[in-house]
Structures are given as structure tokens and as C-alpha cells.
């Protein structure tokens, strides 16, 4: 017989100091606001960290914005393309393109960074992993991601029918290094 405990993923707390200079952060349970609070609380310790492990196994609750603390210069964030449908048969007429900028932040952290990924990594996790890989912030470790760095939109149809569509294109999937 299979027990529920056999099916659950046991992980450390969302933030853990493994040793004085080794940190673990589960980005599927830390939000942007939570990360700002953590960084503020650890601003004197983070610059001297040797290793930081970011867990992206699941759908992250955080944007790639926090990665600015590992950058020396500002860089463009990932490009998100949302199709604007004006014709039938799923042919988009144009795309709404959204792209911001990730600015270098203090404290600047020079630690060795590892991102844990696997087939459960999806959505924002893949965006963070792809950004980290593109800008060589850290090493992606684990298995290939689910390749679903997108946003799902619900559509109400006549006759009380509903449909959903993955409606965002992100061109930076994460793969292990």
C-alpha cells in the first residue's frame, strides 16, 4: 500500500542557513516581498556567503528581479510575448511584448550559486532558471524542466463553455548544465 507520506516531497524550511556561509532558499515558497525581507535581514552576511542554493523544483512564487544582487550591470529581463488574437483559427495578428530591466542591486553577492531544477519546474521557475543560465549567475542542477514557462488564461465561450490556453511565450527554458 502507498501512504500519502510516500508521495509528498520533504524539503527543508523555505529558508535555512545550512552553515554560516551556506544558504538554502525554496523559491516555490518565497515571494518577491519575502525575498526583499530576507535580503534586508541578511544584507551584512550575504556578501560573504560561499554557497547559495535556490530550489526551483515546482512553480516559483518569485520573479527574476532578485537576481540583480548577482549582477554587475543592468540587463534586460526575459521577453514575454502575449498573443493578440484578431482572426479565427488561432492565428495571432500581433504580440503584446513585455520586457523590463533587472538592475544590479546591493548587497552584491559573489557566492557560488546553484539552482535545483527538475521536471516539476514550471512557469516562473523556468523563467528564473533561464535568466540565471543566460547571465551565468549559477549552475542549473537536476533534470530537464517541464518546458512550460507560460501563463494560462481562461476564456468564457458561448453556451457556458470554458476553455484555457497557454498564452505567453518565453524563449529561455531551463536545462541542467
N, C-alpha and C. Protein backbone atom coordinates (compact mmCIF):
# COMPACT_ATOMS: atom_id res chain seq x y z
N UNK A 1 0.83 -1.19 0.00
CA UNK A 1 0.00 0.00 0.00
C UNK A 1 0.87 1.25 0.00
N UNK A 2 0.43 2.25 -0.75
CA UNK A 2 1.13 3.53 -0.80
C UNK A 2 0.50 4.47 0.22
N UNK A 3 1.34 5.11 1.00
CA UNK A 3 0.88 6.06 2.00
C UNK A 3 1.08 7.47 1.47
N UNK A 4 0.25 8.39 1.90
CA UNK A 4 0.36 9.78 1.48
C UNK A 4 1.76 10.33 1.76
N UNK A 5 2.37 9.94 2.85
CA UNK A 5 3.71 10.41 3.19
C UNK A 5 4.75 9.98 2.15
N UNK A 6 4.47 8.86 1.45
CA UNK A 6 5.39 8.39 0.41
C UNK A 6 5.32 9.27 -0.84
N UNK A 7 4.23 10.00 -1.00
CA UNK A 7 4.02 10.81 -2.21
C UNK A 7 4.43 12.27 -2.02
N UNK A 8 4.62 12.70 -0.81
CA UNK A 8 4.95 14.10 -0.56
C UNK A 8 6.45 14.33 -0.64
N UNK A 9 6.80 15.51 -1.03
CA UNK A 9 8.18 15.91 -1.17
C UNK A 9 8.62 16.58 0.13
N UNK A 10 9.54 15.99 0.85
CA UNK A 10 10.00 16.63 2.08
C UNK A 10 11.19 17.53 1.75
N UNK A 11 11.06 18.76 2.17
CA UNK A 11 12.09 19.77 1.92
C UNK A 11 12.40 20.49 3.23
N UNK A 12 13.56 21.12 3.27
CA UNK A 12 13.85 21.95 4.45
C UNK A 12 12.87 23.13 4.50
N UNK A 13 12.96 23.93 5.54
CA UNK A 13 12.17 25.16 5.63
C UNK A 13 12.43 26.00 4.38
N UNK A 14 11.55 26.95 4.11
CA UNK A 14 11.71 27.77 2.90
C UNK A 14 13.03 28.54 2.87
N UNK A 15 13.57 28.83 4.05
CA UNK A 15 14.89 29.43 4.15
C UNK A 15 15.64 28.73 5.27
N UNK A 16 16.87 28.35 4.98
CA UNK A 16 17.67 27.68 6.01
C UNK A 16 19.14 28.06 5.84
N UNK A 17 19.77 28.34 6.97
CA UNK A 17 21.22 28.52 6.98
C UNK A 17 21.80 27.14 7.27
N UNK A 18 22.43 26.54 6.27
CA UNK A 18 22.97 25.19 6.43
C UNK A 18 24.25 25.25 7.26
N UNK A 19 25.11 26.21 6.94
CA UNK A 19 26.28 26.56 7.74
C UNK A 19 26.36 28.07 7.70
N UNK A 20 27.32 28.66 8.40
CA UNK A 20 27.41 30.12 8.45
C UNK A 20 27.48 30.77 7.07
N UNK A 21 28.06 30.06 6.09
CA UNK A 21 28.25 30.66 4.77
C UNK A 21 27.56 29.88 3.65
N UNK A 22 26.58 29.03 4.00
CA UNK A 22 25.81 28.26 3.02
C UNK A 22 24.32 28.44 3.30
N UNK A 23 23.60 28.95 2.28
CA UNK A 23 22.18 29.26 2.44
C UNK A 23 21.34 28.43 1.47
N UNK A 24 20.14 28.03 1.91
CA UNK A 24 19.17 27.33 1.08
C UNK A 24 17.89 28.17 1.06
N UNK A 25 17.34 28.39 -0.16
CA UNK A 25 16.08 29.14 -0.29
C UNK A 25 15.18 28.41 -1.27
N UNK A 26 13.97 28.07 -0.83
CA UNK A 26 12.99 27.41 -1.67
C UNK A 26 12.14 28.48 -2.33
N UNK A 27 12.41 28.74 -3.60
CA UNK A 27 11.74 29.83 -4.31
C UNK A 27 10.31 29.49 -4.70
N UNK A 28 9.87 28.25 -4.45
CA UNK A 28 8.46 27.92 -4.66
C UNK A 28 7.63 28.35 -3.45
N UNK A 29 8.30 28.77 -2.38
CA UNK A 29 7.60 29.19 -1.17
C UNK A 29 7.98 30.59 -0.70
N UNK A 30 8.88 31.25 -1.43
CA UNK A 30 9.30 32.61 -1.08
C UNK A 30 8.79 33.56 -2.17
N UNK A 31 8.12 34.61 -1.78
CA UNK A 31 7.60 35.61 -2.71
C UNK A 31 8.63 36.72 -2.92
N UNK A 32 8.35 37.63 -3.86
CA UNK A 32 9.24 38.79 -4.06
C UNK A 32 9.38 39.59 -2.77
N UNK A 33 8.27 39.82 -2.08
CA UNK A 33 8.33 40.58 -0.82
C UNK A 33 9.12 39.81 0.23
N UNK A 34 8.91 38.49 0.31
CA UNK A 34 9.66 37.67 1.24
C UNK A 34 11.16 37.71 0.97
N UNK A 35 11.54 37.70 -0.33
CA UNK A 35 12.96 37.78 -0.68
C UNK A 35 13.54 39.13 -0.29
N UNK A 36 12.79 40.21 -0.51
CA UNK A 36 13.28 41.54 -0.11
C UNK A 36 13.52 41.58 1.40
N UNK A 37 12.61 40.98 2.16
CA UNK A 37 12.76 40.95 3.62
C UNK A 37 13.98 40.12 4.02
N UNK A 38 14.17 38.95 3.37
CA UNK A 38 15.33 38.11 3.66
C UNK A 38 16.64 38.84 3.35
N UNK A 39 16.70 39.46 2.18
CA UNK A 39 17.91 40.17 1.77
C UNK A 39 18.19 41.32 2.73
N UNK A 40 17.16 42.04 3.15
CA UNK A 40 17.34 43.13 4.10
C UNK A 40 17.87 42.60 5.43
N UNK A 41 17.32 41.48 5.87
CA UNK A 41 17.73 40.88 7.13
C UNK A 41 19.17 40.35 7.07
N UNK A 42 19.58 39.84 5.89
CA UNK A 42 20.89 39.21 5.74
C UNK A 42 21.91 40.08 5.00
N UNK A 43 21.61 41.37 4.83
CA UNK A 43 22.45 42.23 3.97
C UNK A 43 23.92 42.26 4.38
N UNK A 44 24.22 42.04 5.67
CA UNK A 44 25.62 42.03 6.10
C UNK A 44 26.27 40.67 5.91
N UNK A 45 25.47 39.60 5.85
CA UNK A 45 26.01 38.24 5.73
C UNK A 45 26.09 37.74 4.29
N UNK A 46 25.12 38.14 3.45
CA UNK A 46 25.07 37.61 2.07
C UNK A 46 26.34 37.86 1.26
N UNK A 47 26.96 39.05 1.32
CA UNK A 47 28.16 39.26 0.51
C UNK A 47 29.30 38.29 0.83
N UNK A 48 29.33 37.73 2.04
CA UNK A 48 30.40 36.80 2.39
C UNK A 48 29.96 35.33 2.27
N UNK A 49 28.76 35.09 1.76
CA UNK A 49 28.29 33.71 1.58
C UNK A 49 29.17 32.98 0.57
N UNK A 50 29.44 31.70 0.82
CA UNK A 50 30.21 30.90 -0.13
C UNK A 50 29.31 30.19 -1.12
N UNK A 51 28.16 29.69 -0.65
CA UNK A 51 27.22 28.96 -1.49
C UNK A 51 25.79 29.40 -1.19
N UNK A 52 25.00 29.54 -2.25
CA UNK A 52 23.57 29.77 -2.10
C UNK A 52 22.86 28.77 -3.00
N UNK A 53 21.93 28.03 -2.42
CA UNK A 53 21.16 27.02 -3.16
C UNK A 53 19.73 27.54 -3.29
N UNK A 54 19.28 27.72 -4.54
CA UNK A 54 17.91 28.13 -4.80
C UNK A 54 17.15 26.93 -5.35
N UNK A 55 16.06 26.58 -4.70
CA UNK A 55 15.25 25.43 -5.10
C UNK A 55 14.12 25.91 -6.01
N UNK A 56 14.15 25.46 -7.27
CA UNK A 56 13.13 25.83 -8.26
C UNK A 56 12.31 24.61 -8.68
N UNK A 57 12.25 23.59 -7.85
CA UNK A 57 11.50 22.38 -8.18
C UNK A 57 10.02 22.59 -7.87
N UNK A 58 9.29 23.08 -8.85
CA UNK A 58 7.89 23.46 -8.73
C UNK A 58 7.70 24.78 -9.45
N UNK A 59 6.60 25.47 -9.19
CA UNK A 59 6.35 26.78 -9.80
C UNK A 59 6.72 27.86 -8.79
N UNK A 60 7.73 28.63 -9.11
CA UNK A 60 8.23 29.65 -8.17
C UNK A 60 7.18 30.74 -7.95
N UNK A 61 7.25 31.32 -6.77
CA UNK A 61 6.38 32.44 -6.40
C UNK A 61 7.13 33.76 -6.51
N UNK A 62 8.19 33.79 -7.27
CA UNK A 62 9.08 34.94 -7.29
C UNK A 62 9.46 35.26 -8.73
N UNK A 63 9.72 36.52 -8.99
CA UNK A 63 10.18 36.92 -10.33
C UNK A 63 11.71 36.87 -10.36
N UNK A 64 12.27 37.11 -11.53
CA UNK A 64 13.72 37.09 -11.68
C UNK A 64 14.38 38.35 -11.12
N UNK A 65 13.62 39.30 -10.64
CA UNK A 65 14.11 40.59 -10.17
C UNK A 65 15.21 40.46 -9.10
N UNK A 66 15.07 39.50 -8.19
CA UNK A 66 16.03 39.35 -7.08
C UNK A 66 17.43 39.00 -7.57
N UNK A 67 17.55 38.46 -8.78
CA UNK A 67 18.86 38.06 -9.30
C UNK A 67 19.78 39.24 -9.56
N UNK A 68 19.25 40.45 -9.45
CA UNK A 68 20.08 41.65 -9.60
C UNK A 68 21.23 41.71 -8.61
N UNK A 69 21.11 41.02 -7.47
CA UNK A 69 22.20 41.05 -6.49
C UNK A 69 23.42 40.24 -6.95
N UNK A 70 23.28 39.50 -8.05
CA UNK A 70 24.40 38.74 -8.60
C UNK A 70 24.97 39.39 -9.86
N UNK A 71 24.42 40.54 -10.25
CA UNK A 71 24.83 41.21 -11.49
C UNK A 71 25.72 42.41 -11.20
N UNK A 72 26.62 42.70 -12.14
CA UNK A 72 27.45 43.90 -12.05
C UNK A 72 26.82 45.07 -12.79
N UNK A 73 25.99 44.78 -13.80
CA UNK A 73 25.35 45.80 -14.62
C UNK A 73 23.88 45.45 -14.81
N UNK A 74 23.10 46.44 -15.18
CA UNK A 74 21.69 46.19 -15.50
C UNK A 74 21.60 45.43 -16.82
N UNK A 75 20.63 44.53 -16.90
CA UNK A 75 20.41 43.72 -18.10
C UNK A 75 18.92 43.63 -18.37
N UNK A 76 18.52 43.35 -19.63
CA UNK A 76 17.09 43.18 -19.91
C UNK A 76 16.56 41.92 -19.23
N UNK A 77 15.33 41.99 -18.74
CA UNK A 77 14.70 40.79 -18.19
C UNK A 77 14.23 39.93 -19.36
N UNK A 78 13.62 38.79 -19.05
CA UNK A 78 13.15 37.93 -20.13
C UNK A 78 12.05 38.64 -20.91
N UNK A 79 11.95 38.30 -22.18
CA UNK A 79 10.92 38.87 -23.04
C UNK A 79 9.69 37.97 -22.96
N UNK A 80 8.59 38.56 -22.57
CA UNK A 80 7.31 37.83 -22.51
C UNK A 80 6.45 38.32 -23.67
N UNK A 81 5.95 37.38 -24.47
CA UNK A 81 5.11 37.72 -25.62
C UNK A 81 3.71 37.15 -25.40
N UNK A 82 2.72 38.02 -25.42
CA UNK A 82 1.33 37.61 -25.29
C UNK A 82 0.65 37.78 -26.64
N UNK A 83 0.07 36.71 -27.19
CA UNK A 83 -0.59 36.86 -28.49
C UNK A 83 -1.87 37.69 -28.39
N UNK A 84 -2.09 38.52 -29.38
CA UNK A 84 -3.32 39.29 -29.50
C UNK A 84 -4.06 38.71 -30.70
N UNK A 85 -5.13 37.96 -30.43
CA UNK A 85 -5.88 37.28 -31.49
C UNK A 85 -6.95 38.19 -32.06
N UNK A 86 -6.90 38.40 -33.34
CA UNK A 86 -7.92 39.21 -34.00
C UNK A 86 -8.56 38.46 -35.17
N UNK A 87 -8.10 37.24 -35.41
CA UNK A 87 -8.62 36.43 -36.50
C UNK A 87 -8.97 35.04 -35.97
N UNK A 88 -9.87 34.34 -36.63
CA UNK A 88 -10.21 32.98 -36.17
C UNK A 88 -9.09 31.99 -36.43
N UNK A 89 -9.27 30.79 -35.95
CA UNK A 89 -8.36 29.67 -36.15
C UNK A 89 -7.01 29.85 -35.47
N UNK A 90 -6.98 30.63 -34.41
CA UNK A 90 -5.78 30.76 -33.61
C UNK A 90 -4.61 31.47 -34.26
N UNK A 91 -4.89 32.26 -35.28
CA UNK A 91 -3.80 32.99 -35.93
C UNK A 91 -3.65 34.36 -35.28
N UNK A 92 -2.57 34.57 -34.54
CA UNK A 92 -2.42 35.88 -33.91
C UNK A 92 -2.09 36.94 -34.94
N UNK A 93 -2.65 38.09 -34.73
CA UNK A 93 -2.35 39.21 -35.61
C UNK A 93 -1.05 39.89 -35.18
N UNK A 94 -0.84 39.94 -33.86
CA UNK A 94 0.34 40.60 -33.33
C UNK A 94 0.62 40.06 -31.92
N UNK A 95 1.69 40.50 -31.31
CA UNK A 95 2.02 40.11 -29.94
C UNK A 95 2.18 41.37 -29.09
N UNK A 96 1.70 41.28 -27.87
CA UNK A 96 1.99 42.30 -26.87
C UNK A 96 3.29 41.85 -26.21
N UNK A 97 4.33 42.66 -26.31
CA UNK A 97 5.65 42.29 -25.79
C UNK A 97 5.93 43.06 -24.51
N UNK A 98 6.32 42.33 -23.48
CA UNK A 98 6.67 42.94 -22.21
C UNK A 98 8.08 42.55 -21.82
N UNK A 99 8.90 43.54 -21.56
CA UNK A 99 10.26 43.27 -21.12
C UNK A 99 10.74 44.42 -20.27
N UNK A 100 11.21 44.09 -19.11
CA UNK A 100 11.73 45.11 -18.21
C UNK A 100 13.24 45.05 -18.16
N UNK A 101 13.75 45.57 -17.07
CA UNK A 101 15.20 45.57 -16.87
C UNK A 101 15.49 45.11 -15.44
N UNK A 102 16.49 44.27 -15.32
CA UNK A 102 16.93 43.84 -13.99
C UNK A 102 18.15 44.69 -13.65
N UNK A 103 18.03 45.45 -12.58
CA UNK A 103 19.13 46.34 -12.20
C UNK A 103 20.04 45.65 -11.18
N UNK A 104 21.32 45.96 -11.26
CA UNK A 104 22.27 45.45 -10.28
C UNK A 104 21.87 46.02 -8.92
N UNK A 105 21.91 45.18 -7.90
CA UNK A 105 21.44 45.57 -6.57
C UNK A 105 22.51 45.35 -5.51
N UNK A 106 22.34 46.06 -4.41
CA UNK A 106 23.16 45.82 -3.23
C UNK A 106 22.34 45.04 -2.23
N UNK A 107 22.91 44.14 -1.46
CA UNK A 107 24.34 43.84 -1.49
C UNK A 107 24.69 43.01 -2.72
N UNK A 108 25.88 43.26 -3.27
CA UNK A 108 26.36 42.45 -4.39
C UNK A 108 26.92 41.14 -3.81
N UNK A 109 26.44 40.02 -4.35
CA UNK A 109 26.80 38.72 -3.82
C UNK A 109 27.65 37.97 -4.84
N UNK A 110 28.79 37.45 -4.40
CA UNK A 110 29.71 36.73 -5.28
C UNK A 110 29.76 35.24 -4.98
N UNK A 111 28.79 34.73 -4.26
CA UNK A 111 28.78 33.32 -3.85
C UNK A 111 28.64 32.40 -5.06
N UNK A 112 29.02 31.15 -4.89
CA UNK A 112 28.72 30.11 -5.87
C UNK A 112 27.24 29.81 -5.72
N UNK A 113 26.49 29.89 -6.83
CA UNK A 113 25.04 29.74 -6.78
C UNK A 113 24.63 28.49 -7.54
N UNK A 114 23.72 27.72 -6.94
CA UNK A 114 23.18 26.51 -7.56
C UNK A 114 21.67 26.64 -7.59
N UNK A 115 21.07 26.32 -8.73
CA UNK A 115 19.62 26.30 -8.89
C UNK A 115 19.18 24.85 -9.08
N UNK A 116 18.36 24.34 -8.16
CA UNK A 116 17.85 22.98 -8.28
C UNK A 116 16.62 22.99 -9.18
N UNK A 117 16.65 22.19 -10.27
CA UNK A 117 15.53 22.11 -11.20
C UNK A 117 15.21 20.65 -11.49
N UNK A 118 13.98 20.40 -11.92
CA UNK A 118 13.60 19.07 -12.40
C UNK A 118 12.32 19.22 -13.23
N UNK A 119 11.69 18.09 -13.55
CA UNK A 119 10.52 18.12 -14.42
C UNK A 119 9.33 18.84 -13.78
N UNK A 120 9.36 19.09 -12.48
CA UNK A 120 8.30 19.86 -11.82
C UNK A 120 8.51 21.36 -11.97
N UNK A 121 9.70 21.79 -12.37
CA UNK A 121 9.99 23.21 -12.54
C UNK A 121 9.18 23.74 -13.72
N UNK A 122 8.32 24.72 -13.43
CA UNK A 122 7.47 25.26 -14.48
C UNK A 122 7.20 26.73 -14.21
N UNK A 123 6.61 27.39 -15.19
CA UNK A 123 6.22 28.79 -15.02
C UNK A 123 7.38 29.68 -14.62
N UNK A 124 7.21 30.40 -13.50
CA UNK A 124 8.22 31.35 -13.04
C UNK A 124 9.55 30.67 -12.72
N UNK A 125 9.52 29.40 -12.30
CA UNK A 125 10.77 28.69 -12.03
C UNK A 125 11.63 28.60 -13.29
N UNK A 126 10.99 28.34 -14.41
CA UNK A 126 11.74 28.24 -15.66
C UNK A 126 12.26 29.59 -16.12
N UNK A 127 11.50 30.63 -15.85
CA UNK A 127 11.96 31.98 -16.21
C UNK A 127 13.19 32.34 -15.39
N UNK A 128 13.15 32.09 -14.08
CA UNK A 128 14.30 32.38 -13.21
C UNK A 128 15.51 31.54 -13.65
N UNK A 129 15.28 30.23 -13.90
CA UNK A 129 16.38 29.35 -14.32
C UNK A 129 16.97 29.79 -15.66
N UNK A 130 16.13 30.13 -16.61
CA UNK A 130 16.62 30.57 -17.91
C UNK A 130 17.41 31.85 -17.83
N UNK A 131 16.94 32.80 -17.00
CA UNK A 131 17.64 34.06 -16.80
C UNK A 131 19.00 33.81 -16.14
N UNK A 132 19.00 32.95 -15.11
CA UNK A 132 20.25 32.64 -14.41
C UNK A 132 21.25 31.98 -15.34
N UNK A 133 20.77 31.12 -16.23
CA UNK A 133 21.66 30.45 -17.17
C UNK A 133 22.21 31.44 -18.21
N UNK A 134 21.33 32.27 -18.75
CA UNK A 134 21.74 33.23 -19.78
C UNK A 134 22.83 34.17 -19.26
N UNK A 135 22.68 34.63 -18.03
CA UNK A 135 23.63 35.60 -17.49
C UNK A 135 24.68 34.96 -16.58
N UNK A 136 24.78 33.61 -16.63
CA UNK A 136 25.82 32.87 -15.92
C UNK A 136 25.88 33.21 -14.43
N UNK A 137 24.70 33.27 -13.81
CA UNK A 137 24.62 33.57 -12.39
C UNK A 137 24.94 32.35 -11.56
N UNK A 138 24.55 31.19 -12.04
CA UNK A 138 24.80 29.97 -11.29
C UNK A 138 24.61 28.74 -12.15
N UNK A 139 24.79 27.61 -11.51
CA UNK A 139 24.72 26.31 -12.18
C UNK A 139 23.32 25.72 -11.99
N UNK A 140 22.70 25.23 -13.09
CA UNK A 140 21.42 24.53 -13.01
C UNK A 140 21.72 23.06 -12.79
N UNK A 141 21.17 22.51 -11.71
CA UNK A 141 21.46 21.12 -11.33
C UNK A 141 20.15 20.35 -11.20
N UNK A 142 20.12 19.16 -11.78
CA UNK A 142 18.95 18.30 -11.66
C UNK A 142 18.57 17.69 -12.99
N UNK A 143 17.30 17.79 -13.35
CA UNK A 143 16.78 17.21 -14.58
C UNK A 143 16.14 18.31 -15.44
N UNK A 144 15.90 17.99 -16.69
CA UNK A 144 15.27 18.92 -17.62
C UNK A 144 13.92 19.40 -17.06
N UNK A 145 13.63 20.69 -17.26
CA UNK A 145 12.38 21.25 -16.76
C UNK A 145 11.21 20.83 -17.63
N UNK A 146 10.00 21.22 -17.23
CA UNK A 146 8.79 20.82 -17.95
C UNK A 146 8.56 21.61 -19.23
N UNK A 147 9.35 22.64 -19.48
CA UNK A 147 9.21 23.48 -20.69
C UNK A 147 7.83 24.13 -20.75
N UNK A 148 7.38 24.63 -19.61
CA UNK A 148 6.09 25.33 -19.56
C UNK A 148 6.24 26.69 -18.90
N UNK A 149 7.15 27.48 -19.41
CA UNK A 149 7.33 28.84 -18.89
C UNK A 149 6.27 29.71 -19.53
N UNK A 150 5.04 29.60 -19.04
CA UNK A 150 3.95 30.35 -19.65
C UNK A 150 2.91 30.71 -18.61
N UNK A 151 1.91 31.41 -19.05
CA UNK A 151 0.78 31.82 -18.23
C UNK A 151 -0.47 31.23 -18.86
N UNK A 152 -1.36 30.66 -18.05
CA UNK A 152 -2.58 30.07 -18.58
C UNK A 152 -3.72 31.07 -18.41
N UNK A 153 -4.47 31.28 -19.50
CA UNK A 153 -5.59 32.21 -19.50
C UNK A 153 -6.89 31.44 -19.69
N UNK A 154 -7.93 31.82 -18.95
CA UNK A 154 -9.26 31.23 -19.11
C UNK A 154 -10.07 32.05 -20.09
N UNK A 155 -10.89 31.36 -20.88
CA UNK A 155 -11.73 32.03 -21.88
C UNK A 155 -13.16 31.54 -21.67
N UNK A 156 -14.10 32.48 -21.53
CA UNK A 156 -15.52 32.13 -21.45
C UNK A 156 -16.09 32.11 -22.86
N UNK A 157 -16.76 31.01 -23.20
CA UNK A 157 -17.34 30.83 -24.53
C UNK A 157 -18.86 30.82 -24.45
N UNK A 158 -19.53 31.06 -25.57
CA UNK A 158 -21.00 30.98 -25.57
C UNK A 158 -21.45 29.58 -25.12
N UNK A 159 -22.65 29.50 -24.55
CA UNK A 159 -23.19 28.22 -24.11
C UNK A 159 -22.62 27.79 -22.77
N UNK A 160 -22.05 28.73 -22.01
CA UNK A 160 -21.47 28.46 -20.70
C UNK A 160 -20.29 27.48 -20.76
N UNK A 161 -19.59 27.46 -21.91
CA UNK A 161 -18.38 26.65 -22.04
C UNK A 161 -17.18 27.49 -21.66
N UNK A 162 -16.15 26.81 -21.19
CA UNK A 162 -14.90 27.49 -20.82
C UNK A 162 -13.75 26.76 -21.46
N UNK A 163 -12.73 27.51 -21.80
CA UNK A 163 -11.52 26.92 -22.38
C UNK A 163 -10.33 27.62 -21.76
N UNK A 164 -9.18 27.01 -21.85
CA UNK A 164 -7.96 27.65 -21.37
C UNK A 164 -6.88 27.52 -22.42
N UNK A 165 -5.98 28.47 -22.40
CA UNK A 165 -4.90 28.48 -23.37
C UNK A 165 -3.64 28.97 -22.69
N UNK A 166 -2.51 28.36 -23.02
CA UNK A 166 -1.22 28.87 -22.55
C UNK A 166 -0.91 30.05 -23.45
N UNK A 167 -0.95 31.23 -22.89
CA UNK A 167 -0.91 32.41 -23.73
C UNK A 167 0.29 33.31 -23.58
N UNK A 168 1.44 32.78 -23.19
CA UNK A 168 2.62 33.62 -23.08
C UNK A 168 3.80 32.84 -23.62
N UNK A 169 4.60 33.45 -24.44
CA UNK A 169 5.79 32.82 -24.98
C UNK A 169 7.01 33.38 -24.27
N UNK A 170 7.82 32.49 -23.71
CA UNK A 170 9.09 32.86 -23.09
C UNK A 170 10.15 32.02 -23.77
N UNK A 171 11.19 32.63 -24.24
CA UNK A 171 12.16 31.93 -25.07
C UNK A 171 13.40 31.45 -24.34
N UNK A 172 13.34 31.31 -23.00
CA UNK A 172 14.52 30.89 -22.25
C UNK A 172 14.21 29.71 -21.34
N UNK A 173 13.95 28.50 -21.87
CA UNK A 173 13.70 27.36 -20.98
C UNK A 173 14.95 26.97 -20.22
N UNK A 174 14.77 26.36 -19.06
CA UNK A 174 15.91 25.94 -18.25
C UNK A 174 16.25 24.47 -18.45
N UNK A 175 17.51 24.18 -18.63
CA UNK A 175 18.01 22.81 -18.71
C UNK A 175 19.18 22.70 -17.76
N UNK A 176 19.42 21.51 -17.22
CA UNK A 176 20.58 21.37 -16.32
C UNK A 176 21.88 21.58 -17.09
N UNK A 177 22.88 22.10 -16.41
CA UNK A 177 24.19 22.35 -17.05
C UNK A 177 25.03 21.10 -17.18
